[in-house]
């Protein structure tokens, strides 16, 4: 019995030593997971661990598996989602930049026609020699009814571009109606159509949808509608509300009288164009002021098949069509610039959020592993 009791006591001591070595090995493996390279174990530790693991070098080179709680896993998934969102917003910014360049190319392509038209119009006005023109499109009337031509975008994700324009148009509508002036609406763009269809459906005269690449055909349809409305006497003035392109980070809602025309404004109004540039990966805008086109010279011996006043009356619809096309292109450029800025802000916010989440994830991961180490140490101490 004495020998049996002795062997039993020796077995208990051996089991305690084995469990101590096992806990020590687990503790070292957990600590090794936070190092960039395998931990270097002292020679004494290696001799002790050889009793538990046959190949300690294989264990050190093995990639440790960290078991995390649900909070850390949820944060990790959210970090992945935020980074994917940032990739999408950056791609949308670059797409908008490419479309801005295309819109600017379209504006530059219409410049020769606009300059020639302005030059011919100025020459005809000089040939008439200041004679008062009795033309319907140049005649001021007593304003009893106004048509508002409102240009908005078809899509969102462009900051306050649509909301600013809609608010300005709504305020102008309220201002005119408070003065006892009747108002009807010609709307361009899905966002404006959706808003005013809910509030002033009875005042909507015509709606048009314009994509990201306006063309002369779309501008012609709009100009014919407002010309017919004005010439038939159904309205006394047409006001244009659009977004004026200022820069990539700023655009301003603008209002101006479209019809009736002012001969002096047509002949003396200059122009400006914008060119999107890039320097070191950053986008910028170059502004170019264009002078007024010189009036074309028509000699006194030149004979016109029609009266100059009739020719002017024929030129005015072409001028209106060109102005509407230019306004559509400028509004599209403003929308795309607003979308570029909005997507840049979204990308910056996503990057900052991913950074903060990574810090939170590391803290949660460290907390979980620290808790495991404390449990291992407590278990080892309890066996002593």
Protein backbone atom coordinates (compact mmCIF):
# COMPACT_ATOMS: atom_id res chain seq x y z
CA UNK A 1 0.00 0.00 0.00
CA UNK A 2 2.91 2.38 0.80
CA UNK A 3 4.38 1.84 -2.71
CA UNK A 4 0.97 2.38 -4.32
CA UNK A 5 0.50 5.66 -2.45
CA UNK A 6 4.01 6.78 -3.50
CA UNK A 7 3.36 6.05 -7.21
CA UNK A 8 -0.02 7.84 -7.01
CA UNK A 9 1.60 10.96 -5.53
CA UNK A 10 4.31 10.94 -8.23
CA UNK A 11 1.61 10.72 -10.97
CA UNK A 12 -0.20 13.76 -9.56
CA UNK A 13 3.04 15.80 -9.52
CA UNK A 14 3.85 14.80 -13.10
CA UNK A 15 0.35 15.76 -14.28
CA UNK A 16 0.67 19.18 -12.62
CA UNK A 17 4.00 19.83 -14.33
CA UNK A 18 2.60 18.77 -17.70
CA UNK A 19 -0.41 21.15 -17.36
CA UNK A 20 1.90 24.00 -16.35
CA UNK A 21 3.99 23.44 -19.47
CA UNK A 22 0.84 23.27 -21.60
CA UNK A 23 -0.47 26.60 -20.25
CA UNK A 24 2.93 28.17 -20.73
CA UNK A 25 3.05 27.03 -24.36
CA UNK A 26 -0.44 28.41 -25.03
CA UNK A 27 0.53 31.73 -23.45
CA UNK A 28 3.64 32.02 -25.64
CA UNK A 29 1.65 31.12 -28.77
CA UNK A 30 -0.93 33.84 -28.03
CA UNK A 31 1.80 36.43 -27.46
CA UNK A 32 3.53 35.31 -30.65
CA UNK A 33 0.41 36.20 -32.66
CA UNK A 34 1.03 39.93 -32.07
CA UNK A 35 4.62 39.91 -33.35
CA UNK A 36 5.64 40.50 -36.97
CA UNK A 37 8.14 37.63 -36.80
CA UNK A 38 8.28 34.43 -34.73
CA UNK A 39 9.24 34.99 -31.12
CA UNK A 40 12.65 33.89 -29.98
CA UNK A 41 12.32 31.52 -27.05
CA UNK A 42 15.13 31.17 -24.60
CA UNK A 43 17.14 28.01 -24.51
CA UNK A 44 15.72 27.10 -21.12
CA UNK A 45 12.16 27.52 -22.43
CA UNK A 46 12.96 25.40 -25.47
CA UNK A 47 14.31 22.56 -23.32
CA UNK A 48 11.17 22.65 -21.18
CA UNK A 49 8.80 22.78 -24.13
CA UNK A 50 10.51 19.83 -25.79
CA UNK A 51 8.74 17.70 -23.23
CA UNK A 52 5.38 18.85 -24.61
CA UNK A 53 6.05 19.52 -28.30
CA UNK A 54 8.31 17.37 -30.36
CA UNK A 55 9.03 20.09 -32.92
CA UNK A 56 9.06 23.57 -31.38
CA UNK A 57 10.38 25.25 -34.57
CA UNK A 58 7.38 24.01 -36.56
CA UNK A 59 5.08 25.49 -33.91
CA UNK A 60 6.82 28.88 -34.03
CA UNK A 61 6.47 29.09 -37.83
CA UNK A 62 2.82 28.09 -37.76
CA UNK A 63 0.39 31.00 -38.30
CA UNK A 64 -1.52 31.51 -35.09
CA UNK A 65 -5.33 31.45 -35.16
CA UNK A 66 -6.92 34.20 -33.10
CA UNK A 67 -10.43 33.43 -31.96
CA UNK A 68 -12.26 36.77 -31.64
CA UNK A 69 -15.62 37.63 -30.15
CA UNK A 70 -18.62 38.76 -32.17
CA UNK A 71 -17.88 42.47 -31.71
CA UNK A 72 -14.46 42.25 -33.37
CA UNK A 73 -15.84 40.22 -36.26
CA UNK A 74 -18.63 42.76 -36.81
CA UNK A 75 -16.14 45.64 -36.85
CA UNK A 76 -13.91 43.79 -39.32
CA UNK A 77 -16.87 43.24 -41.67
CA UNK A 78 -17.81 46.89 -41.42
CA UNK A 79 -14.25 47.97 -42.27
CA UNK A 80 -14.40 45.85 -45.43
CA UNK A 81 -17.76 47.37 -46.35
CA UNK A 82 -16.53 50.95 -45.84
CA UNK A 83 -13.42 50.35 -47.95
CA UNK A 84 -15.54 48.91 -50.77
CA UNK A 85 -17.83 51.94 -50.59
CA UNK A 86 -14.82 54.24 -50.85
CA UNK A 87 -13.71 52.46 -54.02
CA UNK A 88 -17.16 53.03 -55.53
CA UNK A 89 -17.27 56.74 -54.66
CA UNK A 90 -13.78 57.31 -56.07
CA UNK A 91 -14.80 55.58 -59.30
CA UNK A 92 -17.92 57.77 -59.52
CA UNK A 93 -15.77 60.86 -59.06
CA UNK A 94 -13.51 59.88 -61.95
CA UNK A 95 -16.51 59.11 -64.17
CA UNK A 96 -17.97 62.55 -63.39
CA UNK A 97 -14.63 64.17 -64.24
CA UNK A 98 -14.58 62.45 -67.62
CA UNK A 99 -18.14 63.67 -68.31
CA UNK A 100 -17.19 67.23 -67.31
CA UNK A 101 -14.50 67.19 -69.99
CA UNK A 102 -17.03 65.99 -72.55
CA UNK A 103 -19.47 68.74 -71.56
CA UNK A 104 -16.73 71.35 -71.92
CA UNK A 105 -15.81 70.02 -75.35
CA UNK A 106 -19.46 70.42 -76.36
CA UNK A 107 -19.45 74.04 -75.19
CA UNK A 108 -16.29 74.78 -77.16
CA UNK A 109 -17.78 73.13 -80.25
CA UNK A 110 -20.73 75.58 -80.23
CA UNK A 111 -18.57 78.68 -79.81
CA UNK A 112 -17.93 79.36 -83.55
CA UNK A 113 -21.66 79.35 -84.31
CA UNK A 114 -22.45 81.63 -81.37
CA UNK A 115 -19.71 84.09 -82.29
CA UNK A 116 -20.78 84.23 -85.94
CA UNK A 117 -24.42 84.71 -84.97
CA UNK A 118 -23.52 87.53 -82.59
CA UNK A 119 -21.33 89.17 -85.23
CA UNK A 120 -24.02 89.05 -87.92
CA UNK A 121 -26.65 90.32 -85.48
CA UNK A 122 -24.43 93.25 -84.47
CA UNK A 123 -23.76 94.11 -88.11
CA UNK A 124 -27.46 94.10 -88.94
CA UNK A 125 -28.27 96.31 -85.95
CA UNK A 126 -25.62 98.79 -87.13
CA UNK A 127 -26.98 98.65 -90.69
CA UNK A 128 -30.46 99.48 -89.44
CA UNK A 129 -28.70 102.49 -87.84
CA UNK A 130 -30.59 102.65 -84.56
CA UNK A 131 -34.05 102.50 -86.11
CA UNK A 132 -36.54 101.20 -83.60
CA UNK A 133 -37.21 97.58 -84.36
CA UNK A 134 -40.85 96.58 -84.28
CA UNK A 135 -40.24 92.88 -83.74
CA UNK A 136 -42.34 90.66 -81.44
CA UNK A 137 -39.32 89.08 -79.74
CA UNK A 138 -37.87 92.52 -78.91
CA UNK A 139 -41.12 94.12 -77.74
CA UNK A 140 -41.69 94.68 -74.04
CA UNK A 141 -45.22 93.97 -72.82
CA UNK A 142 -47.14 94.62 -69.67
CA UNK A 143 -46.37 91.56 -67.58
CA UNK A 144 -49.51 89.69 -66.50
CA UNK A 145 -48.21 86.17 -66.93
CA UNK A 146 -44.68 84.77 -66.69
CA UNK A 147 -43.32 81.42 -67.81
CA UNK A 148 -40.48 79.99 -65.71
CA UNK A 149 -38.05 77.70 -67.52
CA UNK A 150 -36.42 75.68 -64.70
CA UNK A 151 -33.42 73.43 -65.38
CA UNK A 152 -32.50 70.75 -62.84
CA UNK A 153 -30.73 67.39 -63.00
CA UNK A 154 -31.99 63.86 -63.62
CA UNK A 155 -29.96 62.19 -60.88
CA UNK A 156 -28.97 62.64 -57.26
CA UNK A 157 -25.67 62.13 -55.41
CA UNK A 158 -24.59 65.64 -56.37
CA UNK A 159 -24.77 67.51 -53.09
CA UNK A 160 -27.12 70.49 -52.99
CA UNK A 161 -27.22 71.04 -56.76
CA UNK A 162 -30.88 70.10 -57.26
CA UNK A 163 -32.18 71.34 -53.91
CA UNK A 164 -30.67 74.83 -54.37
CA UNK A 165 -32.23 75.19 -57.81
CA UNK A 166 -35.62 73.90 -56.69
CA UNK A 167 -35.66 76.26 -53.69
CA UNK A 168 -34.82 79.25 -55.88
CA UNK A 169 -37.50 78.36 -58.42
CA UNK A 170 -40.07 77.83 -55.66
CA UNK A 171 -39.19 81.20 -54.10
CA UNK A 172 -39.52 82.95 -57.49
CA UNK A 173 -42.88 81.27 -58.06
CA UNK A 174 -44.14 82.46 -54.67
CA UNK A 175 -42.80 85.97 -55.30
CA UNK A 176 -44.59 86.35 -58.64
CA UNK A 177 -47.89 84.91 -57.42
CA UNK A 178 -47.82 87.22 -54.38
CA UNK A 179 -47.67 90.15 -56.85
CA UNK A 180 -50.77 88.91 -58.62
CA UNK A 181 -48.85 87.64 -61.67
CA UNK A 182 -49.92 84.32 -63.13
CA UNK A 183 -47.13 81.77 -63.48
CA UNK A 184 -46.72 78.58 -65.50
CA UNK A 185 -43.74 76.24 -65.56
CA UNK A 186 -41.62 74.61 -68.24
CA UNK A 187 -39.48 72.02 -66.45
CA UNK A 188 -36.27 70.35 -67.60
CA UNK A 189 -34.91 67.47 -65.49
CA UNK A 190 -36.50 64.66 -63.50
CA UNK A 191 -35.75 66.12 -60.07
CA UNK A 192 -37.56 69.38 -60.79
CA UNK A 193 -40.44 67.56 -62.47
CA UNK A 194 -40.94 65.28 -59.47
CA UNK A 195 -40.94 68.19 -57.00
CA UNK A 196 -43.23 70.62 -58.83
CA UNK A 197 -45.58 67.84 -59.92
CA UNK A 198 -46.41 67.35 -56.22
CA UNK A 199 -46.81 71.06 -55.39
CA UNK A 200 -47.87 72.99 -58.49
CA UNK A 201 -49.13 70.36 -60.89
CA UNK A 202 -51.81 72.69 -62.28
CA UNK A 203 -49.13 75.24 -63.28
CA UNK A 204 -46.90 72.86 -65.26
CA UNK A 205 -47.08 73.64 -68.95
CA UNK A 206 -44.50 71.26 -70.39
CA UNK A 207 -41.79 68.91 -69.14
CA UNK A 208 -38.58 67.74 -70.79
CA UNK A 209 -35.96 65.19 -69.76
CA UNK A 210 -32.36 66.01 -70.53
CA UNK A 211 -29.54 63.49 -70.10
CA UNK A 212 -25.86 64.02 -69.39
CA UNK A 213 -25.13 64.99 -72.99
CA UNK A 214 -27.59 67.67 -74.20
CA UNK A 215 -27.76 68.23 -77.93
CA UNK A 216 -29.24 70.72 -80.40
CA UNK A 217 -32.36 68.62 -80.93
CA UNK A 218 -33.31 68.79 -77.26
CA UNK A 219 -32.58 72.52 -77.14
CA UNK A 220 -34.69 73.08 -80.27
CA UNK A 221 -37.71 71.33 -78.72
CA UNK A 222 -37.49 73.57 -75.63
CA UNK A 223 -36.99 76.78 -77.63
CA UNK A 224 -39.93 76.01 -79.93
CA UNK A 225 -42.20 75.49 -76.93
CA UNK A 226 -41.36 78.80 -75.27
CA UNK A 227 -41.34 80.70 -78.60
CA UNK A 228 -44.81 79.46 -79.48
CA UNK A 229 -46.01 80.32 -75.98
CA UNK A 230 -44.67 83.89 -76.21
CA UNK A 231 -45.64 84.64 -79.81
CA UNK A 232 -49.18 83.36 -79.28
CA UNK A 233 -49.62 85.81 -76.41
CA UNK A 234 -50.10 83.10 -73.78
CA UNK A 235 -47.26 84.58 -71.72
CA UNK A 236 -45.68 88.03 -71.52
CA UNK A 237 -42.16 87.04 -70.44
CA UNK A 238 -40.00 83.95 -70.09
CA UNK A 239 -37.50 83.71 -67.25
CA UNK A 240 -34.68 81.19 -67.24
CA UNK A 241 -33.56 79.58 -63.96
CA UNK A 242 -30.41 77.50 -64.19
CA UNK A 243 -27.19 76.73 -62.29
CA UNK A 244 -24.25 78.87 -63.33
CA UNK A 245 -20.92 77.06 -63.34
CA UNK A 246 -18.40 78.87 -61.12
CA UNK A 247 -15.78 76.27 -60.23
CA UNK A 248 -15.42 72.62 -59.29
CA UNK A 249 -16.36 73.40 -55.71
CA UNK A 250 -18.96 76.11 -56.29
CA UNK A 251 -21.97 76.76 -58.49
CA UNK A 252 -24.65 79.42 -58.18
CA UNK A 253 -28.36 79.32 -59.09
CA UNK A 254 -29.00 82.14 -61.57
CA UNK A 255 -32.07 83.86 -63.04
CA UNK A 256 -32.37 85.99 -66.15
CA UNK A 257 -35.02 87.10 -68.60
CA UNK A 258 -34.89 84.99 -71.73
CA UNK A 259 -37.74 86.55 -73.76
CA UNK A 260 -38.25 89.34 -74.77
CA UNK A 261 -34.70 89.93 -75.95
CA UNK A 262 -32.66 93.07 -75.57
CA UNK A 263 -30.77 94.04 -78.72
CA UNK A 264 -28.07 95.84 -76.75
CA UNK A 265 -27.52 92.82 -74.50
CA UNK A 266 -27.08 90.50 -77.47
CA UNK A 267 -24.54 92.73 -79.20
CA UNK A 268 -22.56 93.73 -76.08
CA UNK A 269 -22.58 90.55 -74.01
CA UNK A 270 -19.27 88.72 -73.76
CA UNK A 271 -18.75 85.10 -72.81
CA UNK A 272 -16.51 82.91 -70.69
CA UNK A 273 -15.51 79.28 -70.92
CA UNK A 274 -14.08 76.86 -68.39
CA UNK A 275 -11.53 74.15 -68.96
CA UNK A 276 -11.02 71.23 -66.57
CA UNK A 277 -7.34 70.65 -65.80
CA UNK A 278 -5.36 68.27 -63.62
CA UNK A 279 -2.07 68.84 -61.85
CA UNK A 280 -0.46 66.17 -59.71
CA UNK A 281 -3.68 64.19 -59.55
CA UNK A 282 -5.72 67.21 -58.36
CA UNK A 283 -8.45 68.64 -60.57
CA UNK A 284 -8.76 72.35 -61.28
CA UNK A 285 -10.54 74.79 -63.59
CA UNK A 286 -9.09 77.41 -65.92
CA UNK A 287 -11.41 80.33 -66.67
CA UNK A 288 -11.11 82.16 -70.00
CA UNK A 289 -12.89 85.46 -70.68
CA UNK A 290 -14.00 85.85 -74.29
CA UNK A 291 -14.49 89.28 -75.78
CA UNK A 292 -17.60 90.38 -77.63
CA UNK A 293 -17.60 89.32 -81.28
CA UNK A 294 -16.93 92.25 -83.59
CA UNK A 295 -20.00 93.29 -85.64
CA UNK A 296 -19.78 92.16 -89.20
CA UNK A 297 -19.36 94.94 -91.74
CA UNK A 298 -22.16 95.31 -94.28
CA UNK A 299 -21.40 97.94 -96.91
CA UNK A 300 -23.99 100.50 -97.91
CA UNK A 301 -23.94 99.15 -101.44
CA UNK A 302 -24.92 95.66 -100.22
CA UNK A 303 -28.46 94.77 -101.26
CA UNK A 304 -30.47 92.43 -99.04
CA UNK A 305 -33.16 90.26 -100.58
CA UNK A 306 -35.13 90.83 -97.38
CA UNK A 307 -35.29 93.79 -95.08
CA UNK A 308 -32.60 93.71 -92.36
CA UNK A 309 -35.35 93.78 -89.73
CA UNK A 310 -36.81 90.58 -91.16
CA UNK A 311 -33.40 88.95 -91.14
CA UNK A 312 -32.97 89.94 -87.49
CA UNK A 313 -36.37 88.43 -86.74
CA UNK A 314 -35.18 85.18 -88.34
CA UNK A 315 -31.89 85.20 -86.43
CA UNK A 316 -33.47 85.63 -83.00
CA UNK A 317 -34.90 82.05 -82.80
CA UNK A 318 -31.44 80.71 -83.71
CA UNK A 319 -29.92 82.85 -80.98
CA UNK A 320 -32.50 81.55 -78.50
CA UNK A 321 -31.76 77.95 -79.47
CA UNK A 322 -28.04 78.52 -78.98
CA UNK A 323 -28.60 80.16 -75.59
CA UNK A 324 -30.73 77.27 -74.34
CA UNK A 325 -28.20 74.69 -75.56
CA UNK A 326 -25.40 76.60 -73.84
CA UNK A 327 -27.44 76.81 -70.63
CA UNK A 328 -28.17 73.07 -70.69
CA UNK A 329 -24.48 72.31 -71.14
CA UNK A 330 -23.48 74.67 -68.33
CA UNK A 331 -26.08 73.13 -66.01
CA UNK A 332 -24.82 69.64 -66.78
CA UNK A 333 -21.24 70.76 -66.11
CA UNK A 334 -22.36 72.25 -62.78
CA UNK A 335 -24.15 69.03 -61.86
CA UNK A 336 -21.12 66.89 -62.69
CA UNK A 337 -18.79 69.21 -60.80
CA UNK A 338 -21.12 69.01 -57.79
CA UNK A 339 -21.11 65.23 -58.08
CA UNK A 340 -17.30 65.19 -58.23
CA UNK A 341 -17.11 67.24 -55.05
CA UNK A 342 -19.78 65.14 -53.34
CA UNK A 343 -18.03 61.87 -54.20
CA UNK A 344 -14.69 63.30 -53.05
CA UNK A 345 -16.23 64.23 -49.70
CA UNK A 346 -17.80 60.78 -49.44
CA UNK A 347 -14.45 59.14 -50.18
CA UNK A 348 -12.69 61.26 -47.56
CA UNK A 349 -15.35 60.44 -44.98
CA UNK A 350 -15.12 56.73 -45.81
CA UNK A 351 -11.34 56.80 -45.37
CA UNK A 352 -11.64 58.53 -42.00
CA UNK A 353 -14.34 56.10 -40.89
CA UNK A 354 -12.22 53.10 -41.92
CA UNK A 355 -9.30 54.52 -39.92
CA UNK A 356 -11.42 54.95 -36.80
CA UNK A 357 -12.93 51.49 -37.18
CA UNK A 358 -9.47 49.96 -37.53
CA UNK A 359 -8.44 51.52 -34.24
CA UNK A 360 -11.60 50.24 -32.58
CA UNK A 361 -11.02 46.79 -34.09
CA UNK A 362 -7.46 46.65 -32.74
CA UNK A 363 -8.62 47.67 -29.28
CA UNK A 364 -11.31 44.98 -29.29
CA UNK A 365 -8.80 42.39 -30.54
CA UNK A 366 -6.25 43.33 -27.89
CA UNK A 367 -8.92 43.23 -25.19
CA UNK A 368 -10.01 39.75 -26.23
CA UNK A 369 -6.45 38.37 -26.24
CA UNK A 370 -5.61 40.07 -22.95
CA UNK A 371 -8.62 38.39 -21.39
CA UNK A 372 -7.44 35.00 -22.70
CA UNK A 373 -3.95 35.57 -21.28
CA UNK A 374 -5.40 36.46 -17.88
CA UNK A 375 -7.48 33.29 -17.91
CA UNK A 376 -4.40 31.17 -18.77
CA UNK A 377 -2.28 32.77 -16.04
CA UNK A 378 -5.07 32.38 -13.49
CA UNK A 379 -5.49 28.73 -14.42
CA UNK A 380 -1.75 28.09 -14.10
CA UNK A 381 -1.65 29.84 -10.73
CA UNK A 382 -4.59 27.81 -9.46
CA UNK A 383 -2.68 24.55 -10.11
CA UNK A 384 0.33 25.59 -8.07
